[in-house]
């Protein structure tokens, strides 16, 4: 489930439709070109209906408002392996799917695009206000939001494995350079 800023924020190219408005309404859906070809035999399907079942077995027709060109594998499309279904629905459909934006779920990764000149640390106070207004006092007292750039997120993920690897490879490279320099003196 995505909000209306997904497509323009990351510049995902649409073969058909307008990314600025494609996920603005609860009954809209954006699908990948792969899904369009699978279900309809063509990619020119904007305006057609795609029927989706929820976990309760209810069916609902969603209006296709965009066909996404096959996204390249990158840090946004590959954040979690479970997001590769090729169907993008507005976040406003959460309740229909039996989901919620429950503040007690603390392992959600979210992306925020900052306006030019805004620094991540400037979000600390507004985020604390949002938590205070929307979460229970016990949960709010124990929730800590970390605002960081996408490259920093990946350097720190998995216990800092990427950062550790960079440090290790740098040490090996400096050691090899030191040995080569020492050998040339002899």
C-alpha atoms as a PDB file:
ATOM      1  CA  UNK A   1       0.000   0.000   0.000  1.00  0.00           C
ATOM      2  CA  UNK A   2       1.363   3.374  -0.984  1.00  0.00           C
ATOM      3  CA  UNK A   3       0.415   7.007  -0.708  1.00  0.00           C
ATOM      4  CA  UNK A   4      -0.077   9.354  -3.627  1.00  0.00           C
ATOM      5  CA  UNK A   5       3.526  10.622  -3.504  1.00  0.00           C
ATOM      6  CA  UNK A   6       5.197   7.288  -4.332  1.00  0.00           C
ATOM      7  CA  UNK A   7       5.387   7.657  -8.092  1.00  0.00           C
ATOM      8  CA  UNK A   8       6.435  11.329  -8.411  1.00  0.00           C
ATOM      9  CA  UNK A   9       8.750  11.164  -5.374  1.00  0.00           C
ATOM     10  CA  UNK A  10      10.879   8.387  -6.842  1.00  0.00           C
ATOM     11  CA  UNK A  11      10.359   9.245 -10.481  1.00  0.00           C
ATOM     12  CA  UNK A  12       8.945   5.871 -11.379  1.00  0.00           C
ATOM     13  CA  UNK A  13       8.076   6.097 -15.068  1.00  0.00           C
ATOM     14  CA  UNK A  14       4.562   5.229 -16.126  1.00  0.00           C
ATOM     15  CA  UNK A  15       3.889   3.820 -19.559  1.00  0.00           C
ATOM     16  CA  UNK A  16       0.292   4.987 -19.215  1.00  0.00           C
ATOM     17  CA  UNK A  17      -1.364   7.378 -16.748  1.00  0.00           C
ATOM     18  CA  UNK A  18      -0.219  10.355 -14.682  1.00  0.00           C
ATOM     19  CA  UNK A  19       1.864   9.504 -11.622  1.00  0.00           C
ATOM     20  CA  UNK A  20       0.928  12.714  -9.838  1.00  0.00           C
ATOM     21  CA  UNK A  21      -2.704  11.602  -9.524  1.00  0.00           C
ATOM     22  CA  UNK A  22      -2.654   7.823 -10.028  1.00  0.00           C
ATOM     23  CA  UNK A  23      -2.974   6.903  -6.324  1.00  0.00           C
ATOM     24  CA  UNK A  24      -5.078   9.833  -5.120  1.00  0.00           C
ATOM     25  CA  UNK A  25      -8.404   7.972  -4.819  1.00  0.00           C
ATOM     26  CA  UNK A  26      -9.241   4.886  -2.716  1.00  0.00           C
ATOM     27  CA  UNK A  27     -10.547   2.925  -5.692  1.00  0.00           C
ATOM     28  CA  UNK A  28      -7.438   3.511  -7.842  1.00  0.00           C
ATOM     29  CA  UNK A  29      -4.688   1.025  -8.574  1.00  0.00           C
ATOM     30  CA  UNK A  30      -1.373   1.185 -10.420  1.00  0.00           C
ATOM     31  CA  UNK A  31       0.019  -2.020 -11.858  1.00  0.00           C
ATOM     32  CA  UNK A  32       3.303  -2.922 -13.488  1.00  0.00           C
ATOM     33  CA  UNK A  33       3.538  -3.565 -17.204  1.00  0.00           C
ATOM     34  CA  UNK A  34       4.176  -7.227 -16.348  1.00  0.00           C
ATOM     35  CA  UNK A  35       0.825  -7.469 -14.528  1.00  0.00           C
ATOM     36  CA  UNK A  36      -0.990  -5.586 -17.298  1.00  0.00           C
ATOM     37  CA  UNK A  37       0.294  -8.042 -19.881  1.00  0.00           C
ATOM     38  CA  UNK A  38      -0.525 -11.013 -17.642  1.00  0.00           C
ATOM     39  CA  UNK A  39      -4.121  -9.964 -16.880  1.00  0.00           C
ATOM     40  CA  UNK A  40      -5.102  -8.034 -20.017  1.00  0.00           C
ATOM     41  CA  UNK A  41      -2.628  -8.926 -22.794  1.00  0.00           C
ATOM     42  CA  UNK A  42      -1.707  -5.253 -23.300  1.00  0.00           C
ATOM     43  CA  UNK A  43      -0.223  -2.381 -21.330  1.00  0.00           C
ATOM     44  CA  UNK A  44      -2.805   0.182 -22.472  1.00  0.00           C
ATOM     45  CA  UNK A  45      -5.294  -0.580 -19.676  1.00  0.00           C
ATOM     46  CA  UNK A  46      -5.832   2.778 -17.921  1.00  0.00           C
ATOM     47  CA  UNK A  47      -9.528   3.089 -17.080  1.00  0.00           C
ATOM     48  CA  UNK A  48     -10.124  -0.644 -16.948  1.00  0.00           C
ATOM     49  CA  UNK A  49     -11.036  -2.492 -13.748  1.00  0.00           C
ATOM     50  CA  UNK A  50      -8.908  -4.922 -11.761  1.00  0.00           C
ATOM     51  CA  UNK A  51     -10.810  -7.032  -9.227  1.00  0.00           C
ATOM     52  CA  UNK A  52      -8.925  -7.701  -5.997  1.00  0.00           C
ATOM     53  CA  UNK A  53      -9.901  -9.918  -3.062  1.00  0.00           C
ATOM     54  CA  UNK A  54      -9.135  -8.961   0.528  1.00  0.00           C
ATOM     55  CA  UNK A  55      -8.266 -11.404   3.305  1.00  0.00           C
ATOM     56  CA  UNK A  56     -11.963 -11.768   4.195  1.00  0.00           C
ATOM     57  CA  UNK A  57     -12.771 -12.958   0.692  1.00  0.00           C
ATOM     58  CA  UNK A  58     -14.573  -9.761  -0.305  1.00  0.00           C
ATOM     59  CA  UNK A  59     -14.081  -8.616  -3.881  1.00  0.00           C
ATOM     60  CA  UNK A  60     -13.698  -5.053  -5.061  1.00  0.00           C
ATOM     61  CA  UNK A  61     -13.084  -3.537  -8.478  1.00  0.00           C
ATOM     62  CA  UNK A  62     -10.253  -1.001  -8.616  1.00  0.00           C
ATOM     63  CA  UNK A  63      -9.841   1.407 -11.523  1.00  0.00           C
ATOM     64  CA  UNK A  64      -6.426   1.154 -13.153  1.00  0.00           C
ATOM     65  CA  UNK A  65      -4.999   4.673 -13.255  1.00  0.00           C
ATOM     66  CA  UNK A  66      -1.439   3.883 -14.209  1.00  0.00           C
ATOM     67  CA  UNK A  67       0.808   1.249 -15.714  1.00  0.00           C
ATOM     68  CA  UNK A  68       4.279   1.329 -14.252  1.00  0.00           C
ATOM     69  CA  UNK A  69       7.229   0.609 -16.457  1.00  0.00           C
ATOM     70  CA  UNK A  70       9.144  -2.344 -15.033  1.00  0.00           C
ATOM     71  CA  UNK A  71      10.940  -0.810 -12.051  1.00  0.00           C
ATOM     72  CA  UNK A  72      14.661  -1.355 -11.815  1.00  0.00           C
ATOM     73  CA  UNK A  73      15.976  -3.133  -8.767  1.00  0.00           C
ATOM     74  CA  UNK A  74      16.963  -0.398  -6.325  1.00  0.00           C
ATOM     75  CA  UNK A  75      16.768   0.588  -2.686  1.00  0.00           C
ATOM     76  CA  UNK A  76      13.112   1.652  -2.921  1.00  0.00           C
ATOM     77  CA  UNK A  77      11.663  -1.253  -4.874  1.00  0.00           C
ATOM     78  CA  UNK A  78      13.812  -3.769  -3.010  1.00  0.00           C
ATOM     79  CA  UNK A  79      13.410  -2.554   0.580  1.00  0.00           C
ATOM     80  CA  UNK A  80      11.637  -5.784   1.490  1.00  0.00           C
ATOM     81  CA  UNK A  81      11.201  -8.952  -0.495  1.00  0.00           C
ATOM     82  CA  UNK A  82       7.431  -8.966   0.091  1.00  0.00           C
ATOM     83  CA  UNK A  83       6.828  -5.827  -1.980  1.00  0.00           C
ATOM     84  CA  UNK A  84       7.315  -7.348  -5.412  1.00  0.00           C
ATOM     85  CA  UNK A  85       3.695  -8.082  -6.323  1.00  0.00           C
ATOM     86  CA  UNK A  86       3.372  -5.413  -9.031  1.00  0.00           C
ATOM     87  CA  UNK A  87       0.086  -3.983  -7.716  1.00  0.00           C
ATOM     88  CA  UNK A  88       0.136  -0.600  -5.958  1.00  0.00           C
ATOM     89  CA  UNK A  89      -2.913   0.539  -4.013  1.00  0.00           C
ATOM     90  CA  UNK A  90      -3.513   3.786  -2.113  1.00  0.00           C
ATOM     91  CA  UNK A  91      -2.881   3.700   1.629  1.00  0.00           C
ATOM     92  CA  UNK A  92      -6.533   4.728   2.043  1.00  0.00           C
ATOM     93  CA  UNK A  93      -7.524   1.081   1.325  1.00  0.00           C
ATOM     94  CA  UNK A  94      -5.883  -0.194   4.522  1.00  0.00           C
ATOM     95  CA  UNK A  95      -9.156  -0.712   6.397  1.00  0.00           C
ATOM     96  CA  UNK A  96     -10.688  -2.704   3.527  1.00  0.00           C
ATOM     97  CA  UNK A  97      -7.718  -5.057   3.691  1.00  0.00           C
ATOM     98  CA  UNK A  98      -8.112  -5.419   7.459  1.00  0.00           C
ATOM     99  CA  UNK A  99      -4.983  -3.406   8.157  1.00  0.00           C
ATOM    100  CA  UNK A 100      -4.351  -0.200  10.043  1.00  0.00           C
ATOM    101  CA  UNK A 101      -1.651   2.349  10.684  1.00  0.00           C
ATOM    102  CA  UNK A 102      -1.496   1.158  14.273  1.00  0.00           C
ATOM    103  CA  UNK A 103       1.054   3.203  16.186  1.00  0.00           C
ATOM    104  CA  UNK A 104       1.993   0.163  18.271  1.00  0.00           C
ATOM    105  CA  UNK A 105       3.711  -1.461  15.294  1.00  0.00           C
ATOM    106  CA  UNK A 106       7.222  -0.137  15.579  1.00  0.00           C
ATOM    107  CA  UNK A 107       9.071  -1.787  12.739  1.00  0.00           C
ATOM    108  CA  UNK A 108       7.795   0.202   9.803  1.00  0.00           C
ATOM    109  CA  UNK A 109      10.225   1.835   7.434  1.00  0.00           C
ATOM    110  CA  UNK A 110       8.853   4.999   5.884  1.00  0.00           C
ATOM    111  CA  UNK A 111      10.266   7.402   3.372  1.00  0.00           C
ATOM    112  CA  UNK A 112       9.887  11.154   3.573  1.00  0.00           C
ATOM    113  CA  UNK A 113      11.066  13.543   0.878  1.00  0.00           C
ATOM    114  CA  UNK A 114      12.413  16.713   2.435  1.00  0.00           C
ATOM    115  CA  UNK A 115      11.991  20.107   0.844  1.00  0.00           C
ATOM    116  CA  UNK A 116      15.226  21.820  -0.235  1.00  0.00           C
ATOM    117  CA  UNK A 117      17.007  23.309   2.769  1.00  0.00           C
ATOM    118  CA  UNK A 118      15.263  21.106   5.354  1.00  0.00           C
ATOM    119  CA  UNK A 119      17.626  18.941   7.398  1.00  0.00           C
ATOM    120  CA  UNK A 120      16.588  15.569   8.880  1.00  0.00           C
ATOM    121  CA  UNK A 121      17.172  16.748  12.472  1.00  0.00           C
ATOM    122  CA  UNK A 122      14.519  19.446  11.931  1.00  0.00           C
ATOM    123  CA  UNK A 123      11.927  16.645  11.883  1.00  0.00           C
ATOM    124  CA  UNK A 124      12.657  15.511  15.448  1.00  0.00           C
ATOM    125  CA  UNK A 125      10.234  17.903  17.200  1.00  0.00           C
ATOM    126  CA  UNK A 126       7.333  17.458  14.716  1.00  0.00           C
ATOM    127  CA  UNK A 127       7.717  13.665  14.890  1.00  0.00           C
ATOM    128  CA  UNK A 128       7.651  13.743  18.697  1.00  0.00           C
ATOM    129  CA  UNK A 129       4.431  15.814  18.496  1.00  0.00           C
ATOM    130  CA  UNK A 130       2.846  13.281  16.112  1.00  0.00           C
ATOM    131  CA  UNK A 131       3.766  10.401  18.392  1.00  0.00           C
ATOM    132  CA  UNK A 132       2.425  12.200  21.463  1.00  0.00           C
ATOM    133  CA  UNK A 133      -0.860  12.987  19.681  1.00  0.00           C
ATOM    134  CA  UNK A 134      -1.392   9.507  18.191  1.00  0.00           C
ATOM    135  CA  UNK A 135       0.225   6.901  20.414  1.00  0.00           C
ATOM    136  CA  UNK A 136      -0.577   5.693  23.899  1.00  0.00           C
ATOM    137  CA  UNK A 137       1.554   7.301  26.622  1.00  0.00           C
ATOM    138  CA  UNK A 138       3.393   4.049  27.352  1.00  0.00           C
ATOM    139  CA  UNK A 139       4.159   3.446  23.695  1.00  0.00           C
ATOM    140  CA  UNK A 140       5.103   7.100  23.104  1.00  0.00           C
ATOM    141  CA  UNK A 141       7.568   6.960  25.995  1.00  0.00           C
ATOM    142  CA  UNK A 142       9.344   3.982  24.426  1.00  0.00           C
ATOM    143  CA  UNK A 143       9.207   4.859  20.721  1.00  0.00           C
ATOM    144  CA  UNK A 144      12.264   6.395  19.157  1.00  0.00           C
ATOM    145  CA  UNK A 145      12.148   7.435  15.520  1.00  0.00           C
ATOM    146  CA  UNK A 146      15.442   7.581  13.672  1.00  0.00           C
ATOM    147  CA  UNK A 147      15.472   9.965  10.727  1.00  0.00           C
ATOM    148  CA  UNK A 148      18.314   9.166   8.371  1.00  0.00           C
ATOM    149  CA  UNK A 149      19.164   9.324   4.708  1.00  0.00           C
ATOM    150  CA  UNK A 150      18.627   6.238   2.576  1.00  0.00           C
ATOM    151  CA  UNK A 151      22.382   5.582   2.178  1.00  0.00           C
ATOM    152  CA  UNK A 152      22.811   5.842   5.961  1.00  0.00           C
ATOM    153  CA  UNK A 153      19.890   3.440   6.489  1.00  0.00           C
ATOM    154  CA  UNK A 154      21.588   0.810   4.344  1.00  0.00           C
ATOM    155  CA  UNK A 155      24.981   1.346   5.982  1.00  0.00           C
ATOM    156  CA  UNK A 156      23.419   0.729   9.428  1.00  0.00           C
ATOM    157  CA  UNK A 157      20.987  -2.060   8.509  1.00  0.00           C
ATOM    158  CA  UNK A 158      21.754  -5.684   9.362  1.00  0.00           C
ATOM    159  CA  UNK A 159      23.775  -4.661  12.393  1.00  0.00           C
ATOM    160  CA  UNK A 160      25.976  -2.321  10.384  1.00  0.00           C
ATOM    161  CA  UNK A 161      27.237  -5.112   8.096  1.00  0.00           C
ATOM    162  CA  UNK A 162      27.897  -2.761   5.174  1.00  0.00           C
ATOM    163  CA  UNK A 163      29.813  -0.273   7.317  1.00  0.00           C
ATOM    164  CA  UNK A 164      31.848  -3.104   8.865  1.00  0.00           C
ATOM    165  CA  UNK A 165      32.650  -4.454   5.414  1.00  0.00           C
ATOM    166  CA  UNK A 166      33.753  -1.012   4.191  1.00  0.00           C
ATOM    167  CA  UNK A 167      36.019  -0.595   7.229  1.00  0.00           C
ATOM    168  CA  UNK A 168      37.474  -4.086   6.782  1.00  0.00           C
ATOM    169  CA  UNK A 169      38.138  -3.632   3.059  1.00  0.00           C
ATOM    170  CA  UNK A 170      39.654  -0.205   3.709  1.00  0.00           C
ATOM    171  CA  UNK A 171      41.974  -1.684   6.332  1.00  0.00           C
ATOM    172  CA  UNK A 172      43.056  -4.436   3.906  1.00  0.00           C
ATOM    173  CA  UNK A 173      43.651  -1.885   1.136  1.00  0.00           C
ATOM    174  CA  UNK A 174      45.755   0.365   3.405  1.00  0.00           C
ATOM    175  CA  UNK A 175      47.685  -2.664   4.660  1.00  0.00           C
ATOM    176  CA  UNK A 176      48.427  -3.752   1.084  1.00  0.00           C
ATOM    177  CA  UNK A 177      49.476  -0.218   0.116  1.00  0.00           C
ATOM    178  CA  UNK A 178      51.730  -0.078   3.174  1.00  0.00           C
ATOM    179  CA  UNK A 179      53.315  -3.415   2.282  1.00  0.00           C
ATOM    180  CA  UNK A 180      53.812  -2.354  -1.342  1.00  0.00           C
ATOM    181  CA  UNK A 181      55.404   0.911  -0.267  1.00  0.00           C
ATOM    182  CA  UNK A 182      57.663  -0.917   2.196  1.00  0.00           C
ATOM    183  CA  UNK A 183      58.703  -3.465  -0.441  1.00  0.00           C
ATOM    184  CA  UNK A 184      59.720  -0.718  -2.882  1.00  0.00           C
ATOM    185  CA  UNK A 185      62.116   0.755  -0.235  1.00  0.00           C
ATOM    186  CA  UNK A 186      64.054  -2.529   0.200  1.00  0.00           C
END
